[in-house]
């Protein structure tokens, strides 16, 4: 039994872990070792990236503190794989110290099945939250694996320290990566996380329209809202042929933007699209126009701005109507 079986942060002296944390991932403590020989350690559970493992400044700080303070136990598996305590182990070695207190998980890691390895990783991820927080890439890797194995958003959030909303976002990224691989496009390109999330939301599209949207997104530098909008318009057509026509039309409208991106590395949406985006702010208030009225000291200035905008919009409407093709009757 644990020396303190209450829900606290002092379960065997482990920072940031409780008995309940072990129970939720169906893991147990095999034993507490007051003087664990750290020379037995083989490797570590891959929760942190190598560059974030035992940073020199933290090692020096821990090494100094170890000389005067009790050291919290490290977390290891039965086969001597380090789960939490990289910095403490490095500090102990710096101090020529061979032994540290350790809590041993009642499971091997190296020869465990995939589900057990993930449970150990999740426990170690929560343990690692007592020091330097996991960075985005580290969290994403663990969350991705948890999502793949069907963990709930709440369970993932508990151990990795992310909100359900972040889990949902990462899930969309995972869906996008799978779809990209399916259509033969490398996910290690110039698509950022927000673009991947947008693509994840349209990943149920058929392969050819999806592939063309990805190609256009890359060549024109479409942002996430533009990707989602194009995906919705293409899907709403109801057929691949019609969807491809919509995407082709968008490509033609973005010809200048594509050329600019090739030359300068940056590009903005075409002016008409920027106008539609800005007009969206106005039109969403169509049922409450009074909310757009200035009742303070700037009433006259506001009225002048509205009239100026009206002149521009009236001219743009006339020009747009003239630019529309004649309807054959």
C-alpha atoms as a PDB file:
ATOM      1  CA  UNK A   1       0.000   0.000   0.000  1.00  0.00           C
ATOM      2  CA  UNK A   2       1.019   3.560  -0.533  1.00  0.00           C
ATOM      3  CA  UNK A   3       2.202   5.493   2.520  1.00  0.00           C
ATOM      4  CA  UNK A   4      -0.540   8.024   1.788  1.00  0.00           C
ATOM      5  CA  UNK A   5      -3.466   6.735  -0.253  1.00  0.00           C
ATOM      6  CA  UNK A   6      -5.310  10.049  -0.277  1.00  0.00           C
ATOM      7  CA  UNK A   7      -5.701  12.132  -3.451  1.00  0.00           C
ATOM      8  CA  UNK A   8      -2.623  14.316  -3.058  1.00  0.00           C
ATOM      9  CA  UNK A   9       0.592  15.275  -4.755  1.00  0.00           C
ATOM     10  CA  UNK A  10       2.609  13.130  -2.324  1.00  0.00           C
ATOM     11  CA  UNK A  11       1.924   9.644  -3.615  1.00  0.00           C
ATOM     12  CA  UNK A  12       5.236   8.007  -2.743  1.00  0.00           C
ATOM     13  CA  UNK A  13       6.655  11.534  -2.906  1.00  0.00           C
ATOM     14  CA  UNK A  14       6.137  11.710  -6.683  1.00  0.00           C
ATOM     15  CA  UNK A  15       5.765  15.247  -7.996  1.00  0.00           C
ATOM     16  CA  UNK A  16       2.444  15.868  -9.748  1.00  0.00           C
ATOM     17  CA  UNK A  17       1.181  12.271  -9.578  1.00  0.00           C
ATOM     18  CA  UNK A  18      -1.486  10.744  -7.375  1.00  0.00           C
ATOM     19  CA  UNK A  19      -2.667   7.204  -6.772  1.00  0.00           C
ATOM     20  CA  UNK A  20      -5.711   8.029  -8.866  1.00  0.00           C
ATOM     21  CA  UNK A  21      -3.471   8.875 -11.825  1.00  0.00           C
ATOM     22  CA  UNK A  22      -2.038   5.359 -11.715  1.00  0.00           C
ATOM     23  CA  UNK A  23      -5.490   3.808 -11.350  1.00  0.00           C
ATOM     24  CA  UNK A  24      -6.903   5.619 -14.379  1.00  0.00           C
ATOM     25  CA  UNK A  25      -4.261   4.141 -16.664  1.00  0.00           C
ATOM     26  CA  UNK A  26      -4.417   0.757 -14.888  1.00  0.00           C
ATOM     27  CA  UNK A  27      -0.829   0.894 -13.706  1.00  0.00           C
ATOM     28  CA  UNK A  28       0.499   0.000 -10.284  1.00  0.00           C
ATOM     29  CA  UNK A  29       3.572   0.712  -8.196  1.00  0.00           C
ATOM     30  CA  UNK A  30       5.764  -2.341  -7.820  1.00  0.00           C
ATOM     31  CA  UNK A  31       7.924  -0.896  -5.060  1.00  0.00           C
ATOM     32  CA  UNK A  32       9.613   2.175  -3.657  1.00  0.00           C
ATOM     33  CA  UNK A  33      13.420   2.052  -3.637  1.00  0.00           C
ATOM     34  CA  UNK A  34      15.079   4.505  -1.273  1.00  0.00           C
ATOM     35  CA  UNK A  35      18.516   3.959  -2.843  1.00  0.00           C
ATOM     36  CA  UNK A  36      18.028   3.106  -6.505  1.00  0.00           C
ATOM     37  CA  UNK A  37      21.243   2.581  -8.454  1.00  0.00           C
ATOM     38  CA  UNK A  38      20.937   4.927 -11.431  1.00  0.00           C
ATOM     39  CA  UNK A  39      23.658   3.034 -13.286  1.00  0.00           C
ATOM     40  CA  UNK A  40      20.919   0.446 -13.997  1.00  0.00           C
ATOM     41  CA  UNK A  41      19.038   2.877 -16.228  1.00  0.00           C
ATOM     42  CA  UNK A  42      18.934   1.740 -19.837  1.00  0.00           C
ATOM     43  CA  UNK A  43      17.159   4.553 -21.641  1.00  0.00           C
ATOM     44  CA  UNK A  44      14.102   6.761 -21.141  1.00  0.00           C
ATOM     45  CA  UNK A  45      10.452   6.819 -22.101  1.00  0.00           C
ATOM     46  CA  UNK A  46      10.241   9.062 -25.158  1.00  0.00           C
ATOM     47  CA  UNK A  47       8.022  11.840 -23.813  1.00  0.00           C
ATOM     48  CA  UNK A  48      10.375  14.778 -24.310  1.00  0.00           C
ATOM     49  CA  UNK A  49      12.444  15.504 -27.377  1.00  0.00           C
ATOM     50  CA  UNK A  50      16.182  15.077 -26.929  1.00  0.00           C
ATOM     51  CA  UNK A  51      16.904  18.812 -26.911  1.00  0.00           C
ATOM     52  CA  UNK A  52      14.552  19.331 -23.956  1.00  0.00           C
ATOM     53  CA  UNK A  53      15.944  16.479 -21.892  1.00  0.00           C
ATOM     54  CA  UNK A  54      17.925  17.649 -18.846  1.00  0.00           C
ATOM     55  CA  UNK A  55      18.774  21.213 -19.982  1.00  0.00           C
ATOM     56  CA  UNK A  56      22.137  22.334 -18.625  1.00  0.00           C
ATOM     57  CA  UNK A  57      20.784  25.281 -16.624  1.00  0.00           C
ATOM     58  CA  UNK A  58      18.232  23.089 -14.862  1.00  0.00           C
ATOM     59  CA  UNK A  59      20.819  20.374 -14.200  1.00  0.00           C
ATOM     60  CA  UNK A  60      23.107  22.902 -12.516  1.00  0.00           C
ATOM     61  CA  UNK A  61      20.209  24.207 -10.413  1.00  0.00           C
ATOM     62  CA  UNK A  62      19.144  20.710  -9.348  1.00  0.00           C
ATOM     63  CA  UNK A  63      22.736  19.699  -8.592  1.00  0.00           C
ATOM     64  CA  UNK A  64      23.082  22.632  -6.198  1.00  0.00           C
ATOM     65  CA  UNK A  65      19.741  21.944  -4.532  1.00  0.00           C
ATOM     66  CA  UNK A  66      20.508  18.237  -4.107  1.00  0.00           C
ATOM     67  CA  UNK A  67      23.304  19.066  -1.711  1.00  0.00           C
ATOM     68  CA  UNK A  68      20.888  20.645   0.757  1.00  0.00           C
ATOM     69  CA  UNK A  69      17.394  19.343  -0.070  1.00  0.00           C
ATOM     70  CA  UNK A  70      15.642  16.007  -0.226  1.00  0.00           C
ATOM     71  CA  UNK A  71      15.345  14.812  -3.805  1.00  0.00           C
ATOM     72  CA  UNK A  72      11.913  13.703  -5.083  1.00  0.00           C
ATOM     73  CA  UNK A  73      11.926  10.142  -6.408  1.00  0.00           C
ATOM     74  CA  UNK A  74      12.419   9.395 -10.072  1.00  0.00           C
ATOM     75  CA  UNK A  75       9.923   7.191 -11.924  1.00  0.00           C
ATOM     76  CA  UNK A  76      11.215   4.020 -13.591  1.00  0.00           C
ATOM     77  CA  UNK A  77       9.810   0.832 -15.085  1.00  0.00           C
ATOM     78  CA  UNK A  78      10.629  -2.735 -14.098  1.00  0.00           C
ATOM     79  CA  UNK A  79      13.109  -2.959 -16.974  1.00  0.00           C
ATOM     80  CA  UNK A  80      14.930   0.186 -15.759  1.00  0.00           C
ATOM     81  CA  UNK A  81      13.520   2.656 -18.306  1.00  0.00           C
ATOM     82  CA  UNK A  82      13.438   6.196 -16.921  1.00  0.00           C
ATOM     83  CA  UNK A  83       9.965   7.745 -17.063  1.00  0.00           C
ATOM     84  CA  UNK A  84      10.430  10.960 -15.104  1.00  0.00           C
ATOM     85  CA  UNK A  85      13.569  12.444 -13.584  1.00  0.00           C
ATOM     86  CA  UNK A  86      15.985  13.081 -16.454  1.00  0.00           C
ATOM     87  CA  UNK A  87      17.174  16.319 -14.864  1.00  0.00           C
ATOM     88  CA  UNK A  88      17.503  14.753 -11.406  1.00  0.00           C
ATOM     89  CA  UNK A  89      19.535  11.859 -12.817  1.00  0.00           C
ATOM     90  CA  UNK A  90      21.828  14.238 -14.722  1.00  0.00           C
ATOM     91  CA  UNK A  91      22.238  16.371 -11.588  1.00  0.00           C
ATOM     92  CA  UNK A  92      23.062  13.314  -9.488  1.00  0.00           C
ATOM     93  CA  UNK A  93      25.723  12.254 -11.965  1.00  0.00           C
ATOM     94  CA  UNK A  94      27.122  15.773 -11.943  1.00  0.00           C
ATOM     95  CA  UNK A  95      27.427  15.453  -8.146  1.00  0.00           C
ATOM     96  CA  UNK A  96      29.012  11.964  -8.473  1.00  0.00           C
ATOM     97  CA  UNK A  97      25.957  10.546  -6.754  1.00  0.00           C
ATOM     98  CA  UNK A  98      25.073   6.951  -7.677  1.00  0.00           C
ATOM     99  CA  UNK A  99      21.753   6.481  -5.870  1.00  0.00           C
ATOM    100  CA  UNK A 100      18.399   8.259  -5.932  1.00  0.00           C
ATOM    101  CA  UNK A 101      14.989   7.425  -4.490  1.00  0.00           C
ATOM    102  CA  UNK A 102      12.796   5.786  -7.121  1.00  0.00           C
ATOM    103  CA  UNK A 103       9.245   4.595  -7.634  1.00  0.00           C
ATOM    104  CA  UNK A 104       9.151   1.512  -9.842  1.00  0.00           C
ATOM    105  CA  UNK A 105       6.124   0.970 -12.090  1.00  0.00           C
ATOM    106  CA  UNK A 106       4.876  -2.611 -12.043  1.00  0.00           C
ATOM    107  CA  UNK A 107       5.454  -3.098 -15.774  1.00  0.00           C
ATOM    108  CA  UNK A 108       8.196  -3.420 -18.336  1.00  0.00           C
ATOM    109  CA  UNK A 109       8.302  -0.848 -21.112  1.00  0.00           C
ATOM    110  CA  UNK A 110      10.527  -2.151 -23.904  1.00  0.00           C
ATOM    111  CA  UNK A 111       8.694  -5.455 -24.425  1.00  0.00           C
ATOM    112  CA  UNK A 112       5.234  -4.180 -23.437  1.00  0.00           C
ATOM    113  CA  UNK A 113       2.422  -4.058 -25.970  1.00  0.00           C
ATOM    114  CA  UNK A 114       1.562  -0.772 -27.678  1.00  0.00           C
ATOM    115  CA  UNK A 115      -1.364   0.042 -25.360  1.00  0.00           C
ATOM    116  CA  UNK A 116       0.720  -0.470 -22.224  1.00  0.00           C
ATOM    117  CA  UNK A 117       3.528   1.660 -23.620  1.00  0.00           C
ATOM    118  CA  UNK A 118       1.056   4.458 -24.294  1.00  0.00           C
ATOM    119  CA  UNK A 119      -0.343   4.246 -20.744  1.00  0.00           C
ATOM    120  CA  UNK A 120       3.181   4.547 -19.379  1.00  0.00           C
ATOM    121  CA  UNK A 121       3.908   7.485 -21.717  1.00  0.00           C
ATOM    122  CA  UNK A 122       0.729   9.252 -20.578  1.00  0.00           C
ATOM    123  CA  UNK A 123       1.636   8.777 -16.914  1.00  0.00           C
ATOM    124  CA  UNK A 124       5.140  10.072 -17.587  1.00  0.00           C
ATOM    125  CA  UNK A 125       3.737  13.038 -19.510  1.00  0.00           C
ATOM    126  CA  UNK A 126       1.712  14.063 -16.461  1.00  0.00           C
ATOM    127  CA  UNK A 127       4.723  13.525 -14.208  1.00  0.00           C
ATOM    128  CA  UNK A 128       6.817  15.752 -16.479  1.00  0.00           C
ATOM    129  CA  UNK A 129       4.389  18.626 -15.989  1.00  0.00           C
ATOM    130  CA  UNK A 130       5.937  19.482 -12.602  1.00  0.00           C
ATOM    131  CA  UNK A 131       8.996  21.016 -14.295  1.00  0.00           C
ATOM    132  CA  UNK A 132       9.433  22.526 -17.717  1.00  0.00           C
ATOM    133  CA  UNK A 133       6.119  22.050 -19.540  1.00  0.00           C
ATOM    134  CA  UNK A 134       6.035  19.840 -22.600  1.00  0.00           C
ATOM    135  CA  UNK A 135       6.286  21.896 -25.762  1.00  0.00           C
ATOM    136  CA  UNK A 136       3.740  21.812 -28.567  1.00  0.00           C
ATOM    137  CA  UNK A 137       5.529  19.126 -30.578  1.00  0.00           C
ATOM    138  CA  UNK A 138       5.922  16.878 -27.537  1.00  0.00           C
ATOM    139  CA  UNK A 139       2.263  17.245 -26.609  1.00  0.00           C
ATOM    140  CA  UNK A 140       1.169  16.706 -30.187  1.00  0.00           C
ATOM    141  CA  UNK A 141       3.050  13.431 -30.491  1.00  0.00           C
ATOM    142  CA  UNK A 142       1.495  11.973 -27.344  1.00  0.00           C
ATOM    143  CA  UNK A 143      -1.980  13.333 -28.085  1.00  0.00           C
ATOM    144  CA  UNK A 144      -1.775  11.954 -31.621  1.00  0.00           C
ATOM    145  CA  UNK A 145      -1.034   8.483 -30.314  1.00  0.00           C
ATOM    146  CA  UNK A 146      -3.780   8.717 -27.685  1.00  0.00           C
ATOM    147  CA  UNK A 147      -6.303   9.820 -30.315  1.00  0.00           C
ATOM    148  CA  UNK A 148      -5.224   6.976 -32.584  1.00  0.00           C
ATOM    149  CA  UNK A 149      -5.880   4.485 -29.801  1.00  0.00           C
ATOM    150  CA  UNK A 150      -9.282   5.913 -28.990  1.00  0.00           C
ATOM    151  CA  UNK A 151      -8.685   7.731 -25.709  1.00  0.00           C
ATOM    152  CA  UNK A 152     -11.337  10.242 -24.677  1.00  0.00           C
ATOM    153  CA  UNK A 153     -10.582  13.964 -24.846  1.00  0.00           C
ATOM    154  CA  UNK A 154     -10.920  14.244 -21.061  1.00  0.00           C
ATOM    155  CA  UNK A 155      -8.444  11.425 -20.427  1.00  0.00           C
ATOM    156  CA  UNK A 156      -5.937  12.914 -22.840  1.00  0.00           C
ATOM    157  CA  UNK A 157      -6.304  16.352 -21.295  1.00  0.00           C
ATOM    158  CA  UNK A 158      -5.746  14.966 -17.800  1.00  0.00           C
ATOM    159  CA  UNK A 159      -2.403  13.410 -18.611  1.00  0.00           C
ATOM    160  CA  UNK A 160      -0.957  15.642 -21.312  1.00  0.00           C
ATOM    161  CA  UNK A 161      -2.230  18.919 -19.905  1.00  0.00           C
ATOM    162  CA  UNK A 162      -4.227  20.167 -22.882  1.00  0.00           C
ATOM    163  CA  UNK A 163      -7.853  21.231 -23.150  1.00  0.00           C
ATOM    164  CA  UNK A 164     -10.464  19.164 -25.013  1.00  0.00           C
ATOM    165  CA  UNK A 165     -10.469  21.926 -27.656  1.00  0.00           C
ATOM    166  CA  UNK A 166      -6.750  21.404 -28.276  1.00  0.00           C
ATOM    167  CA  UNK A 167      -7.286  17.637 -28.470  1.00  0.00           C
ATOM    168  CA  UNK A 168      -9.985  18.245 -31.081  1.00  0.00           C
ATOM    169  CA  UNK A 169      -7.625  20.483 -33.059  1.00  0.00           C
ATOM    170  CA  UNK A 170      -4.871  17.887 -33.021  1.00  0.00           C
ATOM    171  CA  UNK A 171      -7.393  15.263 -34.074  1.00  0.00           C
ATOM    172  CA  UNK A 172      -8.193  17.361 -37.151  1.00  0.00           C
ATOM    173  CA  UNK A 173      -4.457  17.587 -37.923  1.00  0.00           C
ATOM    174  CA  UNK A 174      -4.172  13.801 -37.665  1.00  0.00           C
ATOM    175  CA  UNK A 175      -7.098  13.330 -40.054  1.00  0.00           C
ATOM    176  CA  UNK A 176      -5.462  15.733 -42.512  1.00  0.00           C
ATOM    177  CA  UNK A 177      -2.104  13.951 -42.373  1.00  0.00           C
ATOM    178  CA  UNK A 178      -3.771  10.578 -42.995  1.00  0.00           C
ATOM    179  CA  UNK A 179      -5.674  11.984 -45.955  1.00  0.00           C
ATOM    180  CA  UNK A 180      -2.543  13.648 -47.365  1.00  0.00           C
ATOM    181  CA  UNK A 181      -0.708  10.347 -47.186  1.00  0.00           C
ATOM    182  CA  UNK A 182      -3.649   8.621 -48.870  1.00  0.00           C
ATOM    183  CA  UNK A 183      -3.586  11.009 -51.840  1.00  0.00           C
ATOM    184  CA  UNK A 184       0.200  10.825 -52.123  1.00  0.00           C
ATOM    185  CA  UNK A 185       1.162  14.235 -50.711  1.00  0.00           C
ATOM    186  CA  UNK A 186       3.901  14.658 -48.114  1.00  0.00           C
ATOM    187  CA  UNK A 187       2.656  16.142 -44.831  1.00  0.00           C
ATOM    188  CA  UNK A 188       6.143  17.502 -44.090  1.00  0.00           C
ATOM    189  CA  UNK A 189       5.807  20.554 -46.272  1.00  0.00           C
ATOM    190  CA  UNK A 190       4.708  24.147 -46.026  1.00  0.00           C
ATOM    191  CA  UNK A 191       1.309  23.505 -44.464  1.00  0.00           C
ATOM    192  CA  UNK A 192       1.119  24.855 -40.922  1.00  0.00           C
ATOM    193  CA  UNK A 193      -1.008  23.466 -38.116  1.00  0.00           C
ATOM    194  CA  UNK A 194      -3.950  25.788 -38.809  1.00  0.00           C
ATOM    195  CA  UNK A 195      -3.993  24.755 -42.466  1.00  0.00           C
ATOM    196  CA  UNK A 196      -3.836  21.103 -41.457  1.00  0.00           C
ATOM    197  CA  UNK A 197      -6.821  21.589 -39.147  1.00  0.00           C
ATOM    198  CA  UNK A 198      -8.784  23.169 -41.976  1.00  0.00           C
ATOM    199  CA  UNK A 199      -7.882  20.271 -44.257  1.00  0.00           C
ATOM    200  CA  UNK A 200      -8.872  17.837 -41.518  1.00  0.00           C
ATOM    201  CA  UNK A 201     -12.371  19.310 -41.556  1.00  0.00           C
ATOM    202  CA  UNK A 202     -12.723  18.504 -45.268  1.00  0.00           C
ATOM    203  CA  UNK A 203     -10.809  15.215 -45.212  1.00  0.00           C
ATOM    204  CA  UNK A 204     -13.991  13.285 -46.009  1.00  0.00           C
ATOM    205  CA  UNK A 205     -13.880  14.691 -49.557  1.00  0.00           C
ATOM    206  CA  UNK A 206     -13.041  12.389 -52.428  1.00  0.00           C
ATOM    207  CA  UNK A 207      -9.365  12.133 -53.214  1.00  0.00           C
ATOM    208  CA  UNK A 208      -9.065  14.168 -56.427  1.00  0.00           C
ATOM    209  CA  UNK A 209     -10.869  17.337 -55.263  1.00  0.00           C
ATOM    210  CA  UNK A 210      -9.050  17.137 -51.924  1.00  0.00           C
ATOM    211  CA  UNK A 211      -5.679  16.838 -53.684  1.00  0.00           C
ATOM    212  CA  UNK A 212      -6.438  19.857 -55.884  1.00  0.00           C
ATOM    213  CA  UNK A 213      -7.450  21.961 -52.884  1.00  0.00           C
ATOM    214  CA  UNK A 214      -4.189  21.079 -51.140  1.00  0.00           C
ATOM    215  CA  UNK A 215      -2.175  21.978 -54.244  1.00  0.00           C
ATOM    216  CA  UNK A 216      -3.977  25.315 -54.562  1.00  0.00           C
ATOM    217  CA  UNK A 217      -3.597  26.017 -50.840  1.00  0.00           C
ATOM    218  CA  UNK A 218       0.151  25.563 -51.136  1.00  0.00           C
ATOM    219  CA  UNK A 219       0.606  27.461 -54.391  1.00  0.00           C
ATOM    220  CA  UNK A 220      -1.581  30.422 -53.388  1.00  0.00           C
ATOM    221  CA  UNK A 221      -0.863  30.425 -49.666  1.00  0.00           C
ATOM    222  CA  UNK A 222      -4.540  30.032 -48.765  1.00  0.00           C
ATOM    223  CA  UNK A 223      -5.276  30.599 -45.103  1.00  0.00           C
ATOM    224  CA  UNK A 224      -7.358  28.210 -43.005  1.00  0.00           C
ATOM    225  CA  UNK A 225     -10.626  30.097 -43.522  1.00  0.00           C
ATOM    226  CA  UNK A 226     -10.094  30.126 -47.274  1.00  0.00           C
ATOM    227  CA  UNK A 227      -9.375  26.390 -47.279  1.00  0.00           C
ATOM    228  CA  UNK A 228     -12.548  25.648 -45.315  1.00  0.00           C
ATOM    229  CA  UNK A 229     -14.615  27.961 -47.526  1.00  0.00           C
ATOM    230  CA  UNK A 230     -13.306  26.413 -50.740  1.00  0.00           C
ATOM    231  CA  UNK A 231     -13.791  22.919 -49.340  1.00  0.00           C
ATOM    232  CA  UNK A 232     -17.405  23.655 -48.415  1.00  0.00           C
ATOM    233  CA  UNK A 233     -18.208  25.184 -51.798  1.00  0.00           C
ATOM    234  CA  UNK A 234     -16.610  22.245 -53.580  1.00  0.00           C
ATOM    235  CA  UNK A 235     -18.384  19.644 -51.430  1.00  0.00           C
ATOM    236  CA  UNK A 236     -21.738  21.378 -51.824  1.00  0.00           C
ATOM    237  CA  UNK A 237     -21.629  20.822 -55.593  1.00  0.00           C
ATOM    238  CA  UNK A 238     -22.351  17.141 -55.053  1.00  0.00           C
ATOM    239  CA  UNK A 239     -19.956  15.707 -57.636  1.00  0.00           C
ATOM    240  CA  UNK A 240     -16.231  15.501 -58.263  1.00  0.00           C
ATOM    241  CA  UNK A 241     -16.533  17.096 -61.704  1.00  0.00           C
ATOM    242  CA  UNK A 242     -18.420  20.104 -60.361  1.00  0.00           C
ATOM    243  CA  UNK A 243     -16.088  20.371 -57.368  1.00  0.00           C
ATOM    244  CA  UNK A 244     -13.063  20.436 -59.671  1.00  0.00           C
ATOM    245  CA  UNK A 245     -14.706  23.210 -61.698  1.00  0.00           C
ATOM    246  CA  UNK A 246     -15.093  25.301 -58.535  1.00  0.00           C
ATOM    247  CA  UNK A 247     -11.457  24.701 -57.581  1.00  0.00           C
ATOM    248  CA  UNK A 248     -10.287  25.553 -61.107  1.00  0.00           C
ATOM    249  CA  UNK A 249     -12.223  28.830 -60.959  1.00  0.00           C
ATOM    250  CA  UNK A 250     -10.575  29.699 -57.638  1.00  0.00           C
ATOM    251  CA  UNK A 251      -7.181  28.901 -59.118  1.00  0.00           C
ATOM    252  CA  UNK A 252      -7.826  31.314 -61.991  1.00  0.00           C
ATOM    253  CA  UNK A 253      -8.927  34.030 -59.566  1.00  0.00           C
ATOM    254  CA  UNK A 254      -5.734  33.496 -57.572  1.00  0.00           C
ATOM    255  CA  UNK A 255      -3.352  33.556 -60.557  1.00  0.00           C
ATOM    256  CA  UNK A 256      -1.783  36.842 -59.518  1.00  0.00           C
ATOM    257  CA  UNK A 257      -1.498  35.691 -55.924  1.00  0.00           C
ATOM    258  CA  UNK A 258       0.209  32.452 -56.982  1.00  0.00           C
ATOM    259  CA  UNK A 259       2.719  34.401 -59.070  1.00  0.00           C
ATOM    260  CA  UNK A 260       3.376  36.810 -56.199  1.00  0.00           C
ATOM    261  CA  UNK A 261       3.962  33.959 -53.778  1.00  0.00           C
ATOM    262  CA  UNK A 262       6.499  32.389 -56.132  1.00  0.00           C
ATOM    263  CA  UNK A 263       8.386  35.669 -56.488  1.00  0.00           C
ATOM    264  CA  UNK A 264       8.245  37.070 -52.961  1.00  0.00           C
ATOM    265  CA  UNK A 265       7.345  34.170 -50.695  1.00  0.00           C
ATOM    266  CA  UNK A 266       4.273  36.049 -49.450  1.00  0.00           C
ATOM    267  CA  UNK A 267       0.852  36.705 -50.925  1.00  0.00           C
ATOM    268  CA  UNK A 268      -2.449  38.266 -49.960  1.00  0.00           C
ATOM    269  CA  UNK A 269      -5.950  37.167 -50.964  1.00  0.00           C
ATOM    270  CA  UNK A 270      -7.326  38.952 -54.053  1.00  0.00           C
ATOM    271  CA  UNK A 271      -8.952  42.315 -53.310  1.00  0.00           C
ATOM    272  CA  UNK A 272     -12.499  41.086 -54.079  1.00  0.00           C
ATOM    273  CA  UNK A 273     -12.091  38.264 -51.558  1.00  0.00           C
ATOM    274  CA  UNK A 274     -10.671  40.632 -48.952  1.00  0.00           C
ATOM    275  CA  UNK A 275     -13.710  42.872 -49.508  1.00  0.00           C
ATOM    276  CA  UNK A 276     -16.115  39.962 -49.000  1.00  0.00           C
ATOM    277  CA  UNK A 277     -14.329  39.056 -45.776  1.00  0.00           C
ATOM    278  CA  UNK A 278     -14.628  42.633 -44.474  1.00  0.00           C
ATOM    279  CA  UNK A 279     -18.238  42.946 -45.613  1.00  0.00           C
ATOM    280  CA  UNK A 280     -18.993  39.885 -43.520  1.00  0.00           C
ATOM    281  CA  UNK A 281     -18.564  42.048 -40.426  1.00  0.00           C
ATOM    282  CA  UNK A 282     -21.197  44.441 -41.775  1.00  0.00           C
ATOM    283  CA  UNK A 283     -23.731  41.918 -43.035  1.00  0.00           C
ATOM    284  CA  UNK A 284     -23.808  39.942 -39.812  1.00  0.00           C
ATOM    285  CA  UNK A 285     -25.505  43.001 -38.285  1.00  0.00           C
ATOM    286  CA  UNK A 286     -28.218  43.206 -40.957  1.00  0.00           C
ATOM    287  CA  UNK A 287     -30.929  42.404 -38.394  1.00  0.00           C
ATOM    288  CA  UNK A 288     -29.656  45.007 -35.925  1.00  0.00           C
ATOM    289  CA  UNK A 289     -28.463  48.057 -37.893  1.00  0.00           C
ATOM    290  CA  UNK A 290     -28.858  50.261 -34.815  1.00  0.00           C
ATOM    291  CA  UNK A 291     -25.828  48.492 -33.337  1.00  0.00           C
ATOM    292  CA  UNK A 292     -23.721  50.183 -36.035  1.00  0.00           C
ATOM    293  CA  UNK A 293     -24.795  53.713 -35.122  1.00  0.00           C
ATOM    294  CA  UNK A 294     -22.383  56.096 -33.361  1.00  0.00           C
ATOM    295  CA  UNK A 295     -24.233  57.998 -30.643  1.00  0.00           C
ATOM    296  CA  UNK A 296     -21.285  59.780 -29.056  1.00  0.00           C
ATOM    297  CA  UNK A 297     -19.189  62.779 -29.953  1.00  0.00           C
ATOM    298  CA  UNK A 298     -18.092  61.222 -33.256  1.00  0.00           C
ATOM    299  CA  UNK A 299     -21.568  61.056 -34.821  1.00  0.00           C
ATOM    300  CA  UNK A 300     -20.824  63.453 -37.689  1.00  0.00           C
ATOM    301  CA  UNK A 301     -17.487  61.787 -38.446  1.00  0.00           C
ATOM    302  CA  UNK A 302     -19.195  58.387 -38.419  1.00  0.00           C
ATOM    303  CA  UNK A 303     -21.940  59.567 -40.795  1.00  0.00           C
ATOM    304  CA  UNK A 304     -19.329  60.925 -43.217  1.00  0.00           C
ATOM    305  CA  UNK A 305     -17.515  57.572 -43.203  1.00  0.00           C
ATOM    306  CA  UNK A 306     -20.777  55.691 -43.850  1.00  0.00           C
ATOM    307  CA  UNK A 307     -21.666  57.954 -46.797  1.00  0.00           C
ATOM    308  CA  UNK A 308     -18.175  57.569 -48.249  1.00  0.00           C
ATOM    309  CA  UNK A 309     -18.442  53.796 -47.974  1.00  0.00           C
ATOM    310  CA  UNK A 310     -21.879  53.938 -49.595  1.00  0.00           C
ATOM    311  CA  UNK A 311     -20.461  55.798 -52.609  1.00  0.00           C
ATOM    312  CA  UNK A 312     -17.689  53.234 -53.021  1.00  0.00           C
ATOM    313  CA  UNK A 313     -20.063  50.280 -52.638  1.00  0.00           C
ATOM    314  CA  UNK A 314     -22.579  51.774 -55.094  1.00  0.00           C
ATOM    315  CA  UNK A 315     -19.827  52.174 -57.677  1.00  0.00           C
ATOM    316  CA  UNK A 316     -18.516  48.654 -56.990  1.00  0.00           C
ATOM    317  CA  UNK A 317     -22.024  47.196 -57.372  1.00  0.00           C
ATOM    318  CA  UNK A 318     -22.488  48.912 -60.728  1.00  0.00           C
ATOM    319  CA  UNK A 319     -19.064  47.732 -61.936  1.00  0.00           C
ATOM    320  CA  UNK A 320     -19.726  44.171 -60.744  1.00  0.00           C
ATOM    321  CA  UNK A 321     -23.097  44.044 -62.506  1.00  0.00           C
ATOM    322  CA  UNK A 322     -21.453  45.229 -65.715  1.00  0.00           C
ATOM    323  CA  UNK A 323     -18.760  42.582 -65.372  1.00  0.00           C
ATOM    324  CA  UNK A 324     -21.232  39.717 -65.099  1.00  0.00           C
ATOM    325  CA  UNK A 325     -21.730  37.738 -68.315  1.00  0.00           C
ATOM    326  CA  UNK A 326     -25.008  38.336 -70.126  1.00  0.00           C
ATOM    327  CA  UNK A 327     -27.612  35.666 -69.416  1.00  0.00           C
ATOM    328  CA  UNK A 328     -28.658  33.891 -72.590  1.00  0.00           C
ATOM    329  CA  UNK A 329     -32.381  33.593 -73.063  1.00  0.00           C
END
